[in-house]
Amino acid sequence: MKRFESLLAYVAAVALFAMMLLTCVDVVGRKLVGNSLPGAVELTEL
């Protein structure tokens, strides 16, 4: 059971990091380039 909990914690950490990275890239793209990533808000909401 401990191994399963560790796996779930790892998956949650990776998902959180991916959402953080997606948001950062979206904001930087919007501010510097004037273009945001298509679907970034929807993926973050999901």
N, C-alpha and C. Protein backbone atom coordinates (compact mmCIF):
# COMPACT_ATOMS: atom_id res chain seq x y z
N MET A 1 0.83 -1.20 0.00
CA MET A 1 0.00 0.00 0.00
C MET A 1 0.87 1.26 0.00
N LYS A 2 1.99 1.21 0.68
CA LYS A 2 2.88 2.37 0.75
C LYS A 2 3.43 2.71 -0.64
N ARG A 3 3.71 1.69 -1.42
CA ARG A 3 4.23 1.93 -2.78
C ARG A 3 3.18 2.60 -3.65
N PHE A 4 1.93 2.20 -3.51
CA PHE A 4 0.84 2.80 -4.27
C PHE A 4 0.65 4.27 -3.89
N GLU A 5 0.76 4.58 -2.61
CA GLU A 5 0.65 5.96 -2.15
C GLU A 5 1.80 6.81 -2.69
N SER A 6 2.97 6.24 -2.73
CA SER A 6 4.12 6.96 -3.29
C SER A 6 3.94 7.23 -4.78
N LEU A 7 3.38 6.26 -5.48
CA LEU A 7 3.12 6.43 -6.91
C LEU A 7 2.09 7.53 -7.14
N LEU A 8 1.03 7.53 -6.36
CA LEU A 8 0.01 8.57 -6.50
C LEU A 8 0.57 9.95 -6.18
N ALA A 9 1.41 10.04 -5.17
CA ALA A 9 2.03 11.32 -4.82
C ALA A 9 2.94 11.80 -5.95
N TYR A 10 3.66 10.89 -6.57
CA TYR A 10 4.53 11.24 -7.69
C TYR A 10 3.71 11.73 -8.88
N VAL A 11 2.63 11.04 -9.20
CA VAL A 11 1.77 11.43 -10.31
C VAL A 11 1.16 12.80 -10.05
N ALA A 12 0.72 13.05 -8.83
CA ALA A 12 0.14 14.35 -8.48
C ALA A 12 1.19 15.46 -8.59
N ALA A 13 2.41 15.18 -8.17
CA ALA A 13 3.48 16.18 -8.25
C ALA A 13 3.82 16.50 -9.70
N VAL A 14 3.86 15.50 -10.54
CA VAL A 14 4.16 15.72 -11.96
C VAL A 14 3.03 16.51 -12.62
N ALA A 15 1.78 16.19 -12.29
CA ALA A 15 0.64 16.91 -12.86
C ALA A 15 0.65 18.37 -12.42
N LEU A 16 0.94 18.62 -11.16
CA LEU A 16 1.00 19.98 -10.65
C LEU A 16 2.12 20.77 -11.31
N PHE A 17 3.27 20.15 -11.49
CA PHE A 17 4.39 20.81 -12.16
C PHE A 17 4.05 21.12 -13.61
N ALA A 18 3.37 20.20 -14.29
CA ALA A 18 2.99 20.42 -15.69
C ALA A 18 2.01 21.58 -15.80
N MET A 19 1.05 21.68 -14.87
CA MET A 19 0.11 22.81 -14.89
C MET A 19 0.83 24.13 -14.63
N MET A 20 1.79 24.11 -13.70
CA MET A 20 2.55 25.31 -13.40
C MET A 20 3.36 25.75 -14.61
N LEU A 21 4.01 24.80 -15.27
CA LEU A 21 4.81 25.10 -16.45
C LEU A 21 3.92 25.62 -17.59
N LEU A 22 2.78 25.01 -17.79
CA LEU A 22 1.85 25.45 -18.82
C LEU A 22 1.38 26.88 -18.57
N THR A 23 1.05 27.20 -17.33
CA THR A 23 0.60 28.54 -16.98
C THR A 23 1.71 29.56 -17.18
N CYS A 24 2.93 29.22 -16.77
CA CYS A 24 4.06 30.14 -16.94
C CYS A 24 4.34 30.42 -18.41
N VAL A 25 4.34 29.37 -19.22
CA VAL A 25 4.59 29.55 -20.65
C VAL A 25 3.47 30.39 -21.28
N ASP A 26 2.25 30.16 -20.86
CA ASP A 26 1.11 30.91 -21.38
C ASP A 26 1.22 32.39 -21.03
N VAL A 27 1.55 32.69 -19.79
CA VAL A 27 1.65 34.09 -19.36
C VAL A 27 2.82 34.78 -20.04
N VAL A 28 3.97 34.13 -20.10
CA VAL A 28 5.14 34.73 -20.75
C VAL A 28 4.85 34.96 -22.23
N GLY A 29 4.23 34.00 -22.87
CA GLY A 29 3.88 34.17 -24.27
C GLY A 29 2.90 35.30 -24.49
N ARG A 30 1.95 35.44 -23.58
CA ARG A 30 0.96 36.51 -23.71
C ARG A 30 1.60 37.88 -23.51
N LYS A 31 2.50 37.99 -22.55
CA LYS A 31 3.10 39.29 -22.23
C LYS A 31 4.19 39.69 -23.22
N LEU A 32 5.04 38.76 -23.62
CA LEU A 32 6.18 39.11 -24.47
C LEU A 32 5.85 39.04 -25.95
N VAL A 33 5.15 38.02 -26.37
CA VAL A 33 4.90 37.80 -27.79
C VAL A 33 3.52 38.31 -28.21
N GLY A 34 2.62 38.38 -27.26
CA GLY A 34 1.26 38.80 -27.58
C GLY A 34 0.37 37.66 -28.02
N ASN A 35 0.85 36.44 -27.86
CA ASN A 35 0.10 35.25 -28.23
C ASN A 35 0.08 34.29 -27.05
N SER A 36 -1.08 33.78 -26.71
CA SER A 36 -1.14 32.78 -25.66
C SER A 36 -1.24 31.39 -26.30
N LEU A 37 -1.03 30.39 -25.50
CA LEU A 37 -1.14 29.02 -26.00
C LEU A 37 -2.61 28.67 -26.21
N PRO A 38 -2.95 28.14 -27.36
CA PRO A 38 -4.33 27.76 -27.58
C PRO A 38 -4.74 26.60 -26.66
N GLY A 39 -5.83 26.79 -25.94
CA GLY A 39 -6.34 25.75 -25.06
C GLY A 39 -5.69 25.68 -23.70
N ALA A 40 -4.81 26.61 -23.37
CA ALA A 40 -4.11 26.54 -22.08
C ALA A 40 -5.08 26.73 -20.92
N VAL A 41 -6.02 27.63 -21.04
CA VAL A 41 -6.98 27.86 -19.96
C VAL A 41 -7.85 26.63 -19.76
N GLU A 42 -8.27 26.02 -20.86
CA GLU A 42 -9.11 24.84 -20.76
C GLU A 42 -8.38 23.67 -20.12
N LEU A 43 -7.11 23.49 -20.47
CA LEU A 43 -6.32 22.41 -19.86
C LEU A 43 -6.12 22.65 -18.38
N THR A 44 -5.88 23.89 -17.99
CA THR A 44 -5.71 24.21 -16.58
C THR A 44 -7.01 24.00 -15.81
N GLU A 45 -8.13 24.36 -16.41
CA GLU A 45 -9.43 24.17 -15.76
C GLU A 45 -9.76 22.69 -15.61
N LEU A 46 -9.33 21.90 -16.58
CA LEU A 46 -9.62 20.47 -16.55
C LEU A 46 -8.94 19.83 -15.37
